[in-house]
PDB file of N, CA and C in Angstrom:
ATOM      1  N   MET A   1     -98.142 -10.475 125.476  1.00  0.00           N
ATOM      2  CA  MET A   1     -97.672 -11.694 125.759  1.00  0.00           C
ATOM      3  C   MET A   1     -98.643 -12.176 127.200  1.00  0.00           C
ATOM      4  N   PHE A   2     -98.703 -13.815 126.485  1.00  0.00           N
ATOM      5  CA  PHE A   2    -100.008 -14.403 128.239  1.00  0.00           C
ATOM      6  C   PHE A   2     -98.867 -14.526 129.047  1.00  0.00           C
ATOM      7  N   GLU A   3     -99.438 -14.144 130.595  1.00  0.00           N
ATOM      8  CA  GLU A   3     -98.630 -14.176 131.233  1.00  0.00           C
ATOM      9  C   GLU A   3     -99.031 -16.130 132.706  1.00  0.00           C
ATOM     10  N   GLU A   4     -97.878 -16.419 132.593  1.00  0.00           N
ATOM     11  CA  GLU A   4     -98.016 -17.756 133.424  1.00  0.00           C
ATOM     12  C   GLU A   4     -99.203 -17.958 134.347  1.00  0.00           C
ATOM     13  N   ARG A   5    -100.439 -18.506 134.170  1.00  0.00           N
ATOM     14  CA  ARG A   5    -100.994 -18.986 135.510  1.00  0.00           C
ATOM     15  C   ARG A   5    -100.654 -20.045 136.797  1.00  0.00           C
ATOM     16  N   LEU A   6    -100.788 -19.314 138.192  1.00  0.00           N
ATOM     17  CA  LEU A   6    -101.427 -20.733 138.848  1.00  0.00           C
ATOM     18  C   LEU A   6    -101.960 -21.685 138.507  1.00  0.00           C
ATOM     19  N   PRO A   7    -101.625 -23.293 139.390  1.00  0.00           N
ATOM     20  CA  PRO A   7    -102.650 -24.097 138.952  1.00  0.00           C
ATOM     21  C   PRO A   7    -104.277 -23.517 139.347  1.00  0.00           C
ATOM     22  N   THR A   8    -104.998 -23.514 138.918  1.00  0.00           N
ATOM     23  CA  THR A   8    -106.405 -23.464 139.886  1.00  0.00           C
ATOM     24  C   THR A   8    -106.489 -24.063 141.382  1.00  0.00           C
ATOM     25  N   LYS A   9    -106.154 -24.828 141.551  1.00  0.00           N
ATOM     26  CA  LYS A   9    -106.319 -25.128 142.776  1.00  0.00           C
ATOM     27  C   LYS A   9    -105.877 -24.514 143.483  1.00  0.00           C
ATOM     28  N   LEU A  10    -104.111 -24.186 143.539  1.00  0.00           N
ATOM     29  CA  LEU A  10    -103.228 -23.390 144.579  1.00  0.00           C
ATOM     30  C   LEU A  10    -104.530 -21.885 144.432  1.00  0.00           C
ATOM     31  N   TRP A  11    -105.025 -21.169 143.488  1.00  0.00           N
ATOM     32  CA  TRP A  11    -105.302 -19.166 143.196  1.00  0.00           C
ATOM     33  C   TRP A  11    -106.392 -19.954 144.096  1.00  0.00           C
ATOM     34  N   VAL A  12    -107.070 -21.113 144.131  1.00  0.00           N
ATOM     35  CA  VAL A  12    -108.252 -20.901 145.161  1.00  0.00           C
ATOM     36  C   VAL A  12    -108.195 -21.192 145.850  1.00  0.00           C
ATOM     37  N   GLU A  13    -107.612 -22.132 146.308  1.00  0.00           N
ATOM     38  CA  GLU A  13    -106.893 -21.488 148.270  1.00  0.00           C
ATOM     39  C   GLU A  13    -106.628 -20.813 148.820  1.00  0.00           C
ATOM     40  N   ALA A  14    -105.643 -20.016 147.983  1.00  0.00           N
ATOM     41  CA  ALA A  14    -105.044 -18.629 148.273  1.00  0.00           C
ATOM     42  C   ALA A  14    -105.983 -17.507 148.363  1.00  0.00           C
ATOM     43  N   LEU A  15    -107.321 -17.878 147.137  1.00  0.00           N
ATOM     44  CA  LEU A  15    -108.206 -17.145 147.164  1.00  0.00           C
ATOM     45  C   LEU A  15    -109.154 -17.588 149.065  1.00  0.00           C
ATOM     46  N   VAL A  16    -109.809 -18.516 149.011  1.00  0.00           N
ATOM     47  CA  VAL A  16    -110.169 -19.052 150.011  1.00  0.00           C
ATOM     48  C   VAL A  16    -109.074 -18.364 151.907  1.00  0.00           C
ATOM     49  N   ARG A  17    -108.149 -18.535 151.367  1.00  0.00           N
ATOM     50  CA  ARG A  17    -106.953 -17.992 152.896  1.00  0.00           C
ATOM     51  C   ARG A  17    -107.134 -16.605 152.526  1.00  0.00           C
ATOM     52  N   ARG A  18    -107.506 -15.383 151.618  1.00  0.00           N
ATOM     53  CA  ARG A  18    -107.545 -14.686 151.986  1.00  0.00           C
ATOM     54  C   ARG A  18    -108.619 -14.119 152.767  1.00  0.00           C
ATOM     55  N   ALA A  19    -109.397 -14.481 151.897  1.00  0.00           N
ATOM     56  CA  ALA A  19    -111.024 -14.271 152.737  1.00  0.00           C
ATOM     57  C   ALA A  19    -111.032 -14.724 154.311  1.00  0.00           C
ATOM     58  N   GLN A  20    -110.581 -15.774 154.444  1.00  0.00           N
ATOM     59  CA  GLN A  20    -110.517 -16.042 156.243  1.00  0.00           C
ATOM     60  C   GLN A  20    -109.517 -15.191 156.926  1.00  0.00           C
ATOM     61  N   LEU A  21    -109.156 -14.951 156.600  1.00  0.00           N
ATOM     62  CA  LEU A  21    -108.010 -13.858 156.938  1.00  0.00           C
ATOM     63  C   LEU A  21    -108.556 -12.481 157.174  1.00  0.00           C
ATOM     64  N   GLU A  22    -109.358 -11.826 156.207  1.00  0.00           N
ATOM     65  CA  GLU A  22    -110.367 -11.329 156.447  1.00  0.00           C
ATOM     66  C   GLU A  22    -111.147 -11.215 157.777  1.00  0.00           C
ATOM     67  N   GLY A  23    -111.573 -12.113 158.229  1.00  0.00           N
ATOM     68  CA  GLY A  23    -112.635 -12.377 158.820  1.00  0.00           C
ATOM     69  C   GLY A  23    -114.350 -12.757 157.778  1.00  0.00           C
ATOM     70  N   ALA A  24    -114.217 -13.145 156.464  1.00  0.00           N
ATOM     71  CA  ALA A  24    -115.157 -13.342 155.451  1.00  0.00           C
ATOM     72  C   ALA A  24    -115.052 -15.676 156.244  1.00  0.00           C
ATOM     73  N   SER A  25    -116.712 -15.834 155.806  1.00  0.00           N
ATOM     74  CA  SER A  25    -116.043 -17.062 155.711  1.00  0.00           C
ATOM     75  C   SER A  25    -116.553 -17.120 154.109  1.00  0.00           C
ATOM     76  N   ALA A  26    -115.150 -18.429 153.404  1.00  0.00           N
ATOM     77  CA  ALA A  26    -115.286 -18.837 152.229  1.00  0.00           C
ATOM     78  C   ALA A  26    -115.349 -20.686 151.785  1.00  0.00           C
ATOM     79  N   PHE A  27    -116.095 -20.876 150.965  1.00  0.00           N
ATOM     80  CA  PHE A  27    -116.776 -22.739 150.645  1.00  0.00           C
ATOM     81  C   PHE A  27    -116.152 -22.660 149.471  1.00  0.00           C
ATOM     82  N   VAL A  28    -115.483 -23.991 149.025  1.00  0.00           N
ATOM     83  CA  VAL A  28    -115.400 -24.348 147.656  1.00  0.00           C
ATOM     84  C   VAL A  28    -116.648 -25.473 147.641  1.00  0.00           C
ATOM     85  N   LEU A  29    -117.743 -24.493 146.723  1.00  0.00           N
ATOM     86  CA  LEU A  29    -119.005 -25.635 146.826  1.00  0.00           C
ATOM     87  C   LEU A  29    -118.657 -26.978 145.901  1.00  0.00           C
ATOM     88  N   GLN A  30    -117.738 -26.699 145.358  1.00  0.00           N
ATOM     89  CA  GLN A  30    -117.253 -27.814 143.572  1.00  0.00           C
ATOM     90  C   GLN A  30    -116.346 -27.867 143.225  1.00  0.00           C
ATOM     91  N   ARG A  31    -115.256 -28.798 143.530  1.00  0.00           N
ATOM     92  CA  ARG A  31    -113.659 -28.678 142.784  1.00  0.00           C
ATOM     93  C   ARG A  31    -113.418 -29.076 141.199  1.00  0.00           C
ATOM     94  N   GLY A  32    -113.176 -28.893 140.609  1.00  0.00           N
ATOM     95  CA  GLY A  32    -113.053 -28.629 139.348  1.00  0.00           C
ATOM     96  C   GLY A  32    -111.524 -29.064 138.622  1.00  0.00           C
ATOM     97  N   ASP A  33    -111.309 -29.320 137.774  1.00  0.00           N
ATOM     98  CA  ASP A  33    -109.866 -30.033 137.275  1.00  0.00           C
ATOM     99  C   ASP A  33    -108.596 -29.383 138.326  1.00  0.00           C
ATOM    100  N   ALA A  34    -107.970 -29.587 138.756  1.00  0.00           N
ATOM    101  CA  ALA A  34    -106.800 -29.065 139.379  1.00  0.00           C
ATOM    102  C   ALA A  34    -106.092 -28.193 138.642  1.00  0.00           C
ATOM    103  N   GLU A  35    -105.337 -28.377 137.414  1.00  0.00           N
ATOM    104  CA  GLU A  35    -104.611 -27.360 136.924  1.00  0.00           C
ATOM    105  C   GLU A  35    -104.908 -27.024 135.817  1.00  0.00           C
ATOM    106  N   ARG A  36    -106.182 -26.582 135.243  1.00  0.00           N
ATOM    107  CA  ARG A  36    -107.089 -25.097 134.828  1.00  0.00           C
ATOM    108  C   ARG A  36    -108.412 -25.538 135.232  1.00  0.00           C
ATOM    109  N   GLY A  37    -109.124 -25.599 135.289  1.00  0.00           N
ATOM    110  CA  GLY A  37    -110.442 -25.400 135.802  1.00  0.00           C
ATOM    111  C   GLY A  37    -110.669 -24.547 135.786  1.00  0.00           C
ATOM    112  N   ASP A  38    -112.002 -23.611 135.158  1.00  0.00           N
ATOM    113  CA  ASP A  38    -112.779 -22.366 135.300  1.00  0.00           C
ATOM    114  C   ASP A  38    -112.711 -22.406 136.613  1.00  0.00           C
ATOM    115  N   ILE A  39    -112.932 -21.231 137.021  1.00  0.00           N
ATOM    116  CA  ILE A  39    -113.975 -20.504 138.507  1.00  0.00           C
ATOM    117  C   ILE A  39    -115.083 -19.640 137.860  1.00  0.00           C
ATOM    118  N   VAL A  40    -116.362 -19.983 139.027  1.00  0.00           N
ATOM    119  CA  VAL A  40    -117.159 -18.544 139.031  1.00  0.00           C
ATOM    120  C   VAL A  40    -117.003 -18.478 140.654  1.00  0.00           C
ATOM    121  N   VAL A  41    -117.309 -17.223 141.654  1.00  0.00           N
ATOM    122  CA  VAL A  41    -116.848 -16.407 142.493  1.00  0.00           C
ATOM    123  C   VAL A  41    -117.976 -16.165 142.287  1.00  0.00           C
ATOM    124  N   LYS A  42    -119.118 -16.798 143.855  1.00  0.00           N
ATOM    125  CA  LYS A  42    -120.329 -15.844 144.267  1.00  0.00           C
ATOM    126  C   LYS A  42    -119.657 -15.318 145.487  1.00  0.00           C
ATOM    127  N   VAL A  43    -120.323 -14.097 145.912  1.00  0.00           N
ATOM    128  CA  VAL A  43    -119.899 -13.116 147.062  1.00  0.00           C
ATOM    129  C   VAL A  43    -121.149 -12.733 147.534  1.00  0.00           C
ATOM    130  N   ALA A  44    -121.606 -13.396 148.583  1.00  0.00           N
ATOM    131  CA  ALA A  44    -122.816 -12.665 149.145  1.00  0.00           C
ATOM    132  C   ALA A  44    -122.485 -12.356 150.541  1.00  0.00           C
ATOM    133  N   ASP A  45    -123.629 -11.084 150.738  1.00  0.00           N
ATOM    134  CA  ASP A  45    -123.256 -10.275 151.253  1.00  0.00           C
ATOM    135  C   ASP A  45    -124.350 -10.244 153.112  1.00  0.00           C
ATOM    136  N   LEU A  46    -124.805 -11.708 152.588  1.00  0.00           N
ATOM    137  CA  LEU A  46    -125.574 -12.352 154.119  1.00  0.00           C
ATOM    138  C   LEU A  46    -127.562 -11.113 154.117  1.00  0.00           C
ATOM    139  N   ARG A  47    -127.311 -10.883 153.042  1.00  0.00           N
ATOM    140  CA  ARG A  47    -128.778  -9.901 152.860  1.00  0.00           C
ATOM    141  C   ARG A  47    -129.303 -10.035 152.018  1.00  0.00           C
ATOM    142  N   GLY A  48    -129.185 -11.510 151.176  1.00  0.00           N
ATOM    143  CA  GLY A  48    -130.014 -11.732 150.234  1.00  0.00           C
ATOM    144  C   GLY A  48    -129.440 -11.076 148.753  1.00  0.00           C
ATOM    145  N   GLU A  49    -129.057 -10.204 149.168  1.00  0.00           N
ATOM    146  CA  GLU A  49    -127.870  -9.576 148.086  1.00  0.00           C
ATOM    147  C   GLU A  49    -126.393 -10.564 147.752  1.00  0.00           C
ATOM    148  N   ALA A  50    -126.282 -10.734 146.680  1.00  0.00           N
ATOM    149  CA  ALA A  50    -124.973 -11.720 145.685  1.00  0.00           C
ATOM    150  C   ALA A  50    -124.119 -11.072 144.565  1.00  0.00           C
ATOM    151  N   ARG A  51    -123.153 -11.308 144.658  1.00  0.00           N
ATOM    152  CA  ARG A  51    -122.158 -11.121 142.719  1.00  0.00           C
ATOM    153  C   ARG A  51    -121.638 -12.217 142.170  1.00  0.00           C
ATOM    154  N   VAL A  52    -121.881 -12.186 140.621  1.00  0.00           N
ATOM    155  CA  VAL A  52    -120.701 -12.950 140.418  1.00  0.00           C
ATOM    156  C   VAL A  52    -119.321 -12.579 140.107  1.00  0.00           C
ATOM    157  N   TYR A  53    -118.615 -13.179 139.794  1.00  0.00           N
ATOM    158  CA  TYR A  53    -117.383 -13.102 138.984  1.00  0.00           C
ATOM    159  C   TYR A  53    -117.282 -14.069 138.373  1.00  0.00           C
ATOM    160  N   VAL A  54    -117.148 -13.726 136.983  1.00  0.00           N
ATOM    161  CA  VAL A  54    -115.739 -15.039 136.090  1.00  0.00           C
ATOM    162  C   VAL A  54    -114.420 -14.576 135.604  1.00  0.00           C
ATOM    163  N   PRO A  55    -113.815 -15.500 135.363  1.00  0.00           N
ATOM    164  CA  PRO A  55    -112.427 -15.001 134.965  1.00  0.00           C
ATOM    165  C   PRO A  55    -112.446 -14.958 133.411  1.00  0.00           C
ATOM    166  N   ARG A  56    -112.057 -14.218 132.676  1.00  0.00           N
ATOM    167  CA  ARG A  56    -111.750 -13.505 131.328  1.00  0.00           C
ATOM    168  C   ARG A  56    -109.990 -13.437 130.961  1.00  0.00           C
ATOM    169  N   THR A  57    -109.039 -13.714 129.898  1.00  0.00           N
ATOM    170  CA  THR A  57    -108.284 -13.177 129.190  1.00  0.00           C
ATOM    171  C   THR A  57    -108.602 -11.767 128.429  1.00  0.00           C
ATOM    172  N   SER A  58    -107.852 -10.892 128.943  1.00  0.00           N
ATOM    173  CA  SER A  58    -107.365  -9.147 128.743  1.00  0.00           C
ATOM    174  C   SER A  58    -107.141  -8.906 126.782  1.00  0.00           C
ATOM    175  N   MET A  59    -107.513  -8.362 126.609  1.00  0.00           N
ATOM    176  CA  MET A  59    -106.680  -8.527 124.770  1.00  0.00           C
ATOM    177  C   MET A  59    -104.736  -8.101 125.316  1.00  0.00           C
ATOM    178  N   GLU A  60    -104.200  -7.398 126.303  1.00  0.00           N
ATOM    179  CA  GLU A  60    -103.334  -7.884 126.606  1.00  0.00           C
ATOM    180  C   GLU A  60    -102.585  -9.109 126.653  1.00  0.00           C
ATOM    181  N   GLY A  61    -103.364  -9.909 127.131  1.00  0.00           N
ATOM    182  CA  GLY A  61    -103.602 -11.447 127.635  1.00  0.00           C
ATOM    183  C   GLY A  61    -103.057 -11.152 129.882  1.00  0.00           C
ATOM    184  N   VAL A  62    -104.023 -10.390 130.118  1.00  0.00           N
ATOM    185  CA  VAL A  62    -103.625 -10.149 131.251  1.00  0.00           C
ATOM    186  C   VAL A  62    -104.979 -11.481 131.834  1.00  0.00           C
ATOM    187  N   ARG A  63    -105.852 -12.028 133.034  1.00  0.00           N
ATOM    188  CA  ARG A  63    -106.394 -12.283 133.602  1.00  0.00           C
ATOM    189  C   ARG A  63    -107.091 -11.578 134.521  1.00  0.00           C
ATOM    190  N   VAL A  64    -108.574 -11.100 134.248  1.00  0.00           N
ATOM    191  CA  VAL A  64    -109.054 -10.056 134.664  1.00  0.00           C
ATOM    192  C   VAL A  64    -110.685 -10.948 135.320  1.00  0.00           C
ATOM    193  N   PHE A  65    -110.925 -10.389 135.932  1.00  0.00           N
ATOM    194  CA  PHE A  65    -112.368 -10.559 136.701  1.00  0.00           C
ATOM    195  C   PHE A  65    -113.648 -10.152 136.123  1.00  0.00           C
ATOM    196  N   VAL A  66    -114.698 -10.165 135.562  1.00  0.00           N
ATOM    197  CA  VAL A  66    -116.021  -9.456 135.036  1.00  0.00           C
ATOM    198  C   VAL A  66    -117.238  -9.846 135.818  1.00  0.00           C
ATOM    199  N   ASP A  67    -116.810  -8.647 136.818  1.00  0.00           N
ATOM    200  CA  ASP A  67    -118.661  -8.539 137.503  1.00  0.00           C
ATOM    201  C   ASP A  67    -120.081  -8.494 136.444  1.00  0.00           C
ATOM    202  N   LEU A  68    -121.029 -10.135 136.598  1.00  0.00           N
ATOM    203  CA  LEU A  68    -122.044  -9.955 135.795  1.00  0.00           C
ATOM    204  C   LEU A  68    -123.233  -9.033 135.992  1.00  0.00           C
ATOM    205  N   GLU A  69    -123.115  -8.806 137.284  1.00  0.00           N
ATOM    206  CA  GLU A  69    -123.984  -7.943 137.415  1.00  0.00           C
ATOM    207  C   GLU A  69    -124.740  -7.253 135.539  1.00  0.00           C
ATOM    208  N   SER A  70    -123.829  -6.795 135.049  1.00  0.00           N
ATOM    209  CA  SER A  70    -124.902  -6.043 133.922  1.00  0.00           C
ATOM    210  C   SER A  70    -125.568  -7.545 133.543  1.00  0.00           C
ATOM    211  N   GLN A  71    -125.236  -7.756 133.387  1.00  0.00           N
ATOM    212  CA  GLN A  71    -125.399  -9.424 132.367  1.00  0.00           C
ATOM    213  C   GLN A  71    -126.931  -9.834 133.485  1.00  0.00           C
ATOM    214  N   SER A  72    -127.401  -9.345 134.473  1.00  0.00           N
ATOM    215  CA  SER A  72    -128.588 -10.044 134.981  1.00  0.00           C
ATOM    216  C   SER A  72    -128.186 -10.672 135.777  1.00  0.00           C
ATOM    217  N   VAL A  73    -127.276 -11.364 136.183  1.00  0.00           N
ATOM    218  CA  VAL A  73    -127.009 -11.532 137.245  1.00  0.00           C
ATOM    219  C   VAL A  73    -126.675 -11.043 138.482  1.00  0.00           C
ATOM    220  N   GLY A  74    -127.403 -11.479 139.504  1.00  0.00           N
ATOM    221  CA  GLY A  74    -127.401 -10.769 140.758  1.00  0.00           C
ATOM    222  C   GLY A  74    -128.478  -9.183 140.474  1.00  0.00           C
ATOM    223  N   PRO A  75    -128.839  -8.910 141.707  1.00  0.00           N
ATOM    224  CA  PRO A  75    -127.757  -8.384 142.890  1.00  0.00           C
ATOM    225  C   PRO A  75    -128.451  -9.468 143.251  1.00  0.00           C
ATOM    226  N   ASP A  76    -129.513  -9.692 143.251  1.00  0.00           N
ATOM    227  CA  ASP A  76    -130.150 -10.830 144.094  1.00  0.00           C
ATOM    228  C   ASP A  76    -130.109 -11.752 144.112  1.00  0.00           C
ATOM    229  N   GLU A  77    -129.094 -12.965 145.829  1.00  0.00           N
ATOM    230  CA  GLU A  77    -128.932 -13.753 145.525  1.00  0.00           C
ATOM    231  C   GLU A  77    -129.854 -15.734 144.676  1.00  0.00           C
ATOM    232  N   ALA A  78    -130.740 -15.352 144.501  1.00  0.00           N
ATOM    233  CA  ALA A  78    -131.365 -16.309 143.597  1.00  0.00           C
ATOM    234  C   ALA A  78    -130.877 -16.048 142.483  1.00  0.00           C
ATOM    235  N   SER A  79    -130.993 -14.775 141.737  1.00  0.00           N
ATOM    236  CA  SER A  79    -130.240 -15.106 140.463  1.00  0.00           C
ATOM    237  C   SER A  79    -128.965 -15.683 140.029  1.00  0.00           C
ATOM    238  N   ALA A  80    -127.989 -15.534 140.962  1.00  0.00           N
ATOM    239  CA  ALA A  80    -126.738 -15.370 140.739  1.00  0.00           C
ATOM    240  C   ALA A  80    -126.559 -17.167 141.393  1.00  0.00           C
ATOM    241  N   ASP A  81    -127.772 -17.923 141.560  1.00  0.00           N
ATOM    242  CA  ASP A  81    -127.685 -19.106 142.634  1.00  0.00           C
ATOM    243  C   ASP A  81    -128.078 -19.570 141.391  1.00  0.00           C
ATOM    244  N   ALA A  82    -128.958 -18.994 140.127  1.00  0.00           N
ATOM    245  CA  ALA A  82    -129.761 -19.447 139.360  1.00  0.00           C
ATOM    246  C   ALA A  82    -128.479 -19.789 138.101  1.00  0.00           C
ATOM    247  N   TYR A  83    -127.741 -18.781 137.870  1.00  0.00           N
ATOM    248  CA  TYR A  83    -126.317 -18.850 136.759  1.00  0.00           C
ATOM    249  C   TYR A  83    -125.656 -19.560 137.398  1.00  0.00           C
ATOM    250  N   ILE A  84    -125.357 -19.866 138.266  1.00  0.00           N
ATOM    251  CA  ILE A  84    -124.197 -20.434 139.305  1.00  0.00           C
ATOM    252  C   ILE A  84    -124.484 -22.395 138.154  1.00  0.00           C
ATOM    253  N   GLN A  85    -126.060 -23.074 138.887  1.00  0.00           N
ATOM    254  CA  GLN A  85    -126.288 -24.057 138.872  1.00  0.00           C
ATOM    255  C   GLN A  85    -126.579 -24.635 137.494  1.00  0.00           C
ATOM    256  N   ARG A  86    -126.801 -23.373 136.010  1.00  0.00           N
ATOM    257  CA  ARG A  86    -126.860 -23.464 135.154  1.00  0.00           C
ATOM    258  C   ARG A  86    -124.932 -23.829 134.808  1.00  0.00           C
ATOM    259  N   VAL A  87    -124.299 -22.816 134.983  1.00  0.00           N
ATOM    260  CA  VAL A  87    -122.944 -23.636 134.779  1.00  0.00           C
ATOM    261  C   VAL A  87    -122.524 -24.639 135.306  1.00  0.00           C
ATOM    262  N   ARG A  88    -122.917 -25.290 136.523  1.00  0.00           N
ATOM    263  CA  ARG A  88    -122.285 -26.318 136.645  1.00  0.00           C
ATOM    264  C   ARG A  88    -122.827 -27.690 135.782  1.00  0.00           C
ATOM    265  N   THR A  89    -123.692 -27.387 135.054  1.00  0.00           N
ATOM    266  CA  THR A  89    -124.462 -28.844 134.389  1.00  0.00           C
ATOM    267  C   THR A  89    -123.670 -28.586 132.992  1.00  0.00           C
ATOM    268  N   ARG A  90    -123.014 -27.478 132.419  1.00  0.00           N
ATOM    269  CA  ARG A  90    -122.239 -27.293 131.531  1.00  0.00           C
ATOM    270  C   ARG A  90    -120.936 -27.801 131.211  1.00  0.00           C
ATOM    271  N   ASP A  91    -120.009 -27.707 132.790  1.00  0.00           N
ATOM    272  CA  ASP A  91    -118.782 -27.802 133.053  1.00  0.00           C
ATOM    273  C   ASP A  91    -118.136 -28.553 134.176  1.00  0.00           C
ATOM    274  N   GLN A  92    -118.060 -29.613 134.383  1.00  0.00           N
ATOM    275  CA  GLN A  92    -118.160 -30.659 135.744  1.00  0.00           C
ATOM    276  C   GLN A  92    -116.080 -30.542 135.495  1.00  0.00           C
ATOM    277  N   ASP A  93    -115.445 -29.544 134.807  1.00  0.00           N
ATOM    278  CA  ASP A  93    -114.133 -29.321 135.108  1.00  0.00           C
ATOM    279  C   ASP A  93    -114.542 -27.987 136.258  1.00  0.00           C
ATOM    280  N   LEU A  94    -115.339 -27.237 136.382  1.00  0.00           N
ATOM    281  CA  LEU A  94    -115.726 -26.004 137.378  1.00  0.00           C
ATOM    282  C   LEU A  94    -115.471 -25.818 138.710  1.00  0.00           C
ATOM    283  N   TRP A  95    -114.622 -25.001 139.369  1.00  0.00           N
ATOM    284  CA  TRP A  95    -114.204 -24.317 140.542  1.00  0.00           C
ATOM    285  C   TRP A  95    -115.824 -23.495 141.006  1.00  0.00           C
ATOM    286  N   VAL A  96    -116.636 -23.948 141.900  1.00  0.00           N
ATOM    287  CA  VAL A  96    -117.314 -23.185 142.608  1.00  0.00           C
ATOM    288  C   VAL A  96    -116.751 -22.761 143.530  1.00  0.00           C
ATOM    289  N   ILE A  97    -116.990 -21.023 144.002  1.00  0.00           N
ATOM    290  CA  ILE A  97    -116.346 -20.940 145.714  1.00  0.00           C
ATOM    291  C   ILE A  97    -117.047 -19.609 145.362  1.00  0.00           C
ATOM    292  N   GLU A  98    -117.633 -19.656 147.082  1.00  0.00           N
ATOM    293  CA  GLU A  98    -118.952 -18.493 147.687  1.00  0.00           C
ATOM    294  C   GLU A  98    -118.326 -18.145 148.835  1.00  0.00           C
ATOM    295  N   ILE A  99    -118.065 -17.050 149.263  1.00  0.00           N
ATOM    296  CA  ILE A  99    -117.311 -16.191 149.629  1.00  0.00           C
ATOM    297  C   ILE A  99    -118.466 -15.239 150.346  1.00  0.00           C
ATOM    298  N   GLU A 100    -119.120 -15.305 152.112  1.00  0.00           N
ATOM    299  CA  GLU A 100    -119.583 -14.666 152.417  1.00  0.00           C
ATOM    300  C   GLU A 100    -119.310 -13.822 153.238  1.00  0.00           C
ATOM    301  N   ASP A 101    -119.941 -12.405 153.290  1.00  0.00           N
ATOM    302  CA  ASP A 101    -119.380 -11.802 153.998  1.00  0.00           C
ATOM    303  C   ASP A 101    -119.862 -10.055 154.003  1.00  0.00           C
ATOM    304  N   ARG A 102    -120.248  -9.970 155.142  1.00  0.00           N
ATOM    305  CA  ARG A 102    -121.143  -8.750 155.171  1.00  0.00           C
ATOM    306  C   ARG A 102    -120.622  -7.577 154.197  1.00  0.00           C
ATOM    307  N   GLU A 103    -119.557  -7.605 154.281  1.00  0.00           N
ATOM    308  CA  GLU A 103    -119.285  -5.732 153.729  1.00  0.00           C
ATOM    309  C   GLU A 103    -119.111  -5.793 151.390  1.00  0.00           C
ATOM    310  N   ALA A 104    -119.887  -7.736 151.769  1.00  0.00           N
ATOM    311  CA  ALA A 104    -118.883  -7.324 149.799  1.00  0.00           C
ATOM    312  C   ALA A 104    -118.132  -7.431 149.094  1.00  0.00           C
ATOM    313  N   ARG A 105    -116.849  -7.809 150.042  1.00  0.00           N
ATOM    314  CA  ARG A 105    -115.752  -7.715 149.602  1.00  0.00           C
ATOM    315  C   ARG A 105    -115.562  -9.148 148.712  1.00  0.00           C
ATOM    316  N   ASN A 106    -114.932  -9.307 147.438  1.00  0.00           N
ATOM    317  CA  ASN A 106    -114.543 -10.331 146.716  1.00  0.00           C
ATOM    318  C   ASN A 106    -113.297 -10.980 147.072  1.00  0.00           C
ATOM    319  N   PHE A 107    -112.555 -10.004 147.463  1.00  0.00           N
ATOM    320  CA  PHE A 107    -111.050 -11.120 148.157  1.00  0.00           C
ATOM    321  C   PHE A 107    -110.137 -10.658 146.728  1.00  0.00           C
ATOM    322  N   LEU A 108    -110.709 -10.565 145.123  1.00  0.00           N
ATOM    323  CA  LEU A 108    -109.502 -11.151 144.371  1.00  0.00           C
ATOM    324  C   LEU A 108    -108.714 -10.128 144.029  1.00  0.00           C
ATOM    325  N   THR A 109    -107.585 -10.610 143.606  1.00  0.00           N
ATOM    326  CA  THR A 109    -106.572  -9.700 143.514  1.00  0.00           C
ATOM    327  C   THR A 109    -105.834  -9.019 141.737  1.00  0.00           C
ATOM    328  N   GLU A 110    -106.976 -10.322 141.308  1.00  0.00           N
ATOM    329  CA  GLU A 110    -107.177  -9.307 139.946  1.00  0.00           C
ATOM    330  C   GLU A 110    -107.615  -8.359 139.645  1.00  0.00           C
ATOM    331  N   PRO A 111    -107.406  -7.687 138.495  1.00  0.00           N
ATOM    332  CA  PRO A 111    -108.651  -6.708 138.085  1.00  0.00           C
ATOM    333  C   PRO A 111    -110.089  -7.300 137.849  1.00  0.00           C
ATOM    334  N   VAL A 112    -111.122  -6.349 138.553  1.00  0.00           N
ATOM    335  CA  VAL A 112    -112.165  -6.531 138.017  1.00  0.00           C
ATOM    336  C   VAL A 112    -113.442  -5.857 137.445  1.00  0.00           C
ATOM    337  N   GLU A 113    -113.918  -5.948 136.647  1.00  0.00           N
ATOM    338  CA  GLU A 113    -114.238  -5.147 135.203  1.00  0.00           C
ATOM    339  C   GLU A 113    -115.659  -5.561 135.088  1.00  0.00           C
ATOM    340  N   LYS A 114    -116.576  -4.725 134.807  1.00  0.00           N
ATOM    341  CA  LYS A 114    -118.226  -4.339 134.756  1.00  0.00           C
ATOM    342  C   LYS A 114    -118.294  -4.745 132.975  1.00  0.00           C
ATOM    343  N   LEU A 115    -118.874  -5.594 132.590  1.00  0.00           N
ATOM    344  CA  LEU A 115    -119.572  -5.348 130.837  1.00  0.00           C
ATOM    345  C   LEU A 115    -120.223  -4.244 130.967  1.00  0.00           C
ATOM    346  N   SER A 116    -120.778  -3.726 129.465  1.00  0.00           N
ATOM    347  CA  SER A 116    -121.095  -2.784 129.056  1.00  0.00           C
ATOM    348  C   SER A 116    -122.585  -3.458 128.382  1.00  0.00           C
TER     349      SER A 116
END
């Protein structure tokens, strides 16, 4: 069974707030559709490395985030930015969130998976 999702705008606001409460900086670089826009989360460690996370729905219908490092996105910030730019040109309803945190925490409450 698929779980109900929060509107994207509300989910993004909560992520940004969690990051800020923990002392990280979080920015919405692009606003997408308020109800169902897709999301890309970039986490920069302020030393030139970054990770990119995108959501997907698991076989059980649960929302999880995928760490794209295994897909050659990151760990250098330039490749993360290049990926995000490519996705932004294809999807005008995309939300792009950047978190800057020295510990490279993503502040996601959903499970995070790595693709094999």
